[in-house]
Each structure stands twice: as C-alpha cells, then as structure tokens.
C-alpha atoms as a PDB file:
ATOM      1  CA  MET A   1     188.846  99.110 122.567  1.00  0.00           C
ATOM      2  CA  ALA A   2     190.806 101.990 124.063  1.00  0.00           C
ATOM      3  CA  ASP A   3     191.035 104.152 120.931  1.00  0.00           C
ATOM      4  CA  ALA A   4     190.442 104.083 117.184  1.00  0.00           C
ATOM      5  CA  ALA A   5     191.053 106.278 114.156  1.00  0.00           C
ATOM      6  CA  VAL A   6     190.135 105.852 110.490  1.00  0.00           C
ATOM      7  CA  ILE A   7     192.279 107.620 107.917  1.00  0.00           C
ATOM      8  CA  GLY A   8     192.830 107.744 104.173  1.00  0.00           C
ATOM      9  CA  VAL A   9     196.111 106.435 102.788  1.00  0.00           C
ATOM     10  CA  PRO A  10     197.503 106.579  99.222  1.00  0.00           C
ATOM     11  CA  ASP A  11     196.442 103.682  97.008  1.00  0.00           C
ATOM     12  CA  PRO A  12     197.808 103.016  93.507  1.00  0.00           C
ATOM     13  CA  THR A  13     194.481 101.720  92.192  1.00  0.00           C
ATOM     14  CA  TRP A  14     191.854 103.857  93.929  1.00  0.00           C
ATOM     15  CA  ARG A  15     194.023 106.951  94.724  1.00  0.00           C
ATOM     16  CA  GLN A  16     193.013 106.597  98.375  1.00  0.00           C
ATOM     17  CA  ALA A  17     192.149 103.647 100.633  1.00  0.00           C
ATOM     18  CA  VAL A  18     190.726 103.342 104.133  1.00  0.00           C
ATOM     19  CA  LYS A  19     193.032 102.441 107.030  1.00  0.00           C
ATOM     20  CA  ALA A  20     191.855 101.905 110.599  1.00  0.00           C
ATOM     21  CA  VAL A  21     194.161 102.098 113.582  1.00  0.00           C
ATOM     22  CA  VAL A  22     192.729 100.326 116.624  1.00  0.00           C
ATOM     23  CA  VAL A  23     194.250 100.267 120.092  1.00  0.00           C
ATOM     24  CA  LEU A  24     192.842  97.651 122.445  1.00  0.00           C
ATOM     25  CA  LYS A  25     192.640  98.141 126.184  1.00  0.00           C
ATOM     26  CA  LEU A  26     195.523  96.544 128.035  1.00  0.00           C
ATOM     27  CA  ASP A  27     193.372  93.671 129.342  1.00  0.00           C
ATOM     28  CA  ALA A  28     191.399  93.180 126.096  1.00  0.00           C
ATOM     29  CA  ALA A  29     191.890  90.309 123.678  1.00  0.00           C
ATOM     30  CA  ALA A  30     190.817  90.477 120.038  1.00  0.00           C
ATOM     31  CA  THR A  31     192.464  89.190 116.912  1.00  0.00           C
ATOM     32  CA  THR A  32     192.710  91.082 113.665  1.00  0.00           C
ATOM     33  CA  ASP A  33     190.154  88.639 112.254  1.00  0.00           C
ATOM     34  CA  ASP A  34     187.745  89.469 115.124  1.00  0.00           C
ATOM     35  CA  LEU A  35     187.978  93.165 114.309  1.00  0.00           C
ATOM     36  CA  ILE A  36     187.561  92.618 110.564  1.00  0.00           C
ATOM     37  CA  GLU A  37     184.464  90.440 111.183  1.00  0.00           C
ATOM     38  CA  HIS A  38     182.973  93.180 113.349  1.00  0.00           C
ATOM     39  CA  VAL A  39     183.614  95.809 110.666  1.00  0.00           C
ATOM     40  CA  ARG A  40     182.272  93.524 107.929  1.00  0.00           C
ATOM     41  CA  ALA A  41     178.930  93.311 109.768  1.00  0.00           C
ATOM     42  CA  GLN A  42     178.713  97.089 110.262  1.00  0.00           C
ATOM     43  CA  VAL A  43     179.862  98.850 107.076  1.00  0.00           C
ATOM     44  CA  ALA A  44     179.660  98.599 103.299  1.00  0.00           C
ATOM     45  CA  SER A  45     182.328  96.533 101.545  1.00  0.00           C
ATOM     46  CA  TYR A  46     184.100  99.511  99.931  1.00  0.00           C
ATOM     47  CA  LYS A  47     184.511 101.187 103.348  1.00  0.00           C
ATOM     48  CA  LYS A  48     186.351  98.273 104.980  1.00  0.00           C
ATOM     49  CA  PRO A  49     189.989  98.950 105.900  1.00  0.00           C
ATOM     50  CA  GLY A  50     192.499  96.960 103.890  1.00  0.00           C
ATOM     51  CA  VAL A  51     195.684  97.266 105.963  1.00  0.00           C
ATOM     52  CA  ARG A  52     195.929  94.823 108.852  1.00  0.00           C
ATOM     53  CA  ARG A  53     198.727  95.308 111.359  1.00  0.00           C
ATOM     54  CA  PRO A  54     198.367  94.989 115.134  1.00  0.00           C
ATOM     55  CA  ARG A  55     199.166  98.045 117.253  1.00  0.00           C
ATOM     56  CA  ASP A  56     200.549  97.870 120.770  1.00  0.00           C
ATOM     57  CA  ALA A  57     198.171  99.222 123.449  1.00  0.00           C
ATOM     58  CA  GLY A  58     200.978 101.250 125.011  1.00  0.00           C
ATOM     59  CA  LEU A  59     201.520 103.342 121.866  1.00  0.00           C
ATOM     60  CA  GLY A  60     198.129 105.005 121.518  1.00  0.00           C
ATOM     61  CA  ILE A  61     197.126 107.195 118.575  1.00  0.00           C
ATOM     62  CA  SER A  62     198.549 110.662 117.982  1.00  0.00           C
ATOM     63  CA  ARG A  63     196.037 113.198 116.681  1.00  0.00           C
ATOM     64  CA  ALA A  64     198.508 116.082 116.656  1.00  0.00           C
ATOM     65  CA  TRP A  65     198.539 117.154 113.009  1.00  0.00           C
END
C-alpha cells in the first residue's frame, strides 16, 4: 500500500458513513475483496468502509483541505 485515507461521507440512513481511499504501490496486486477481508479482520463491523471503488496508483491522495 502506497497511501491510505479514511474519511466520513454523507449517508442518508446514518448521517455519515466511513469511506477508505487506498492507493496501492505500482507493483502491488490486491483486489477490493482482499482489502475488505483485511479490514474485516482488524476493525469492528460498524467501522468498515462501505464504498468500494478502485483508485489508480498514479493519482495519489490529496490532503490539501
């Protein structure tokens, strides 16, 4: 993993939900299911991110807010 960020996003049911943005290293290989399994083993159920979209390693994560 090259970078990761966990943020809150609006949710119609819970007011806010957890979203994780993960950027893999260029030579790394992991599926979305691999990452979800890893998170499932590490955190409580209500803390698991619900949005699952791959992110290109070349894009990175902007923390400029």
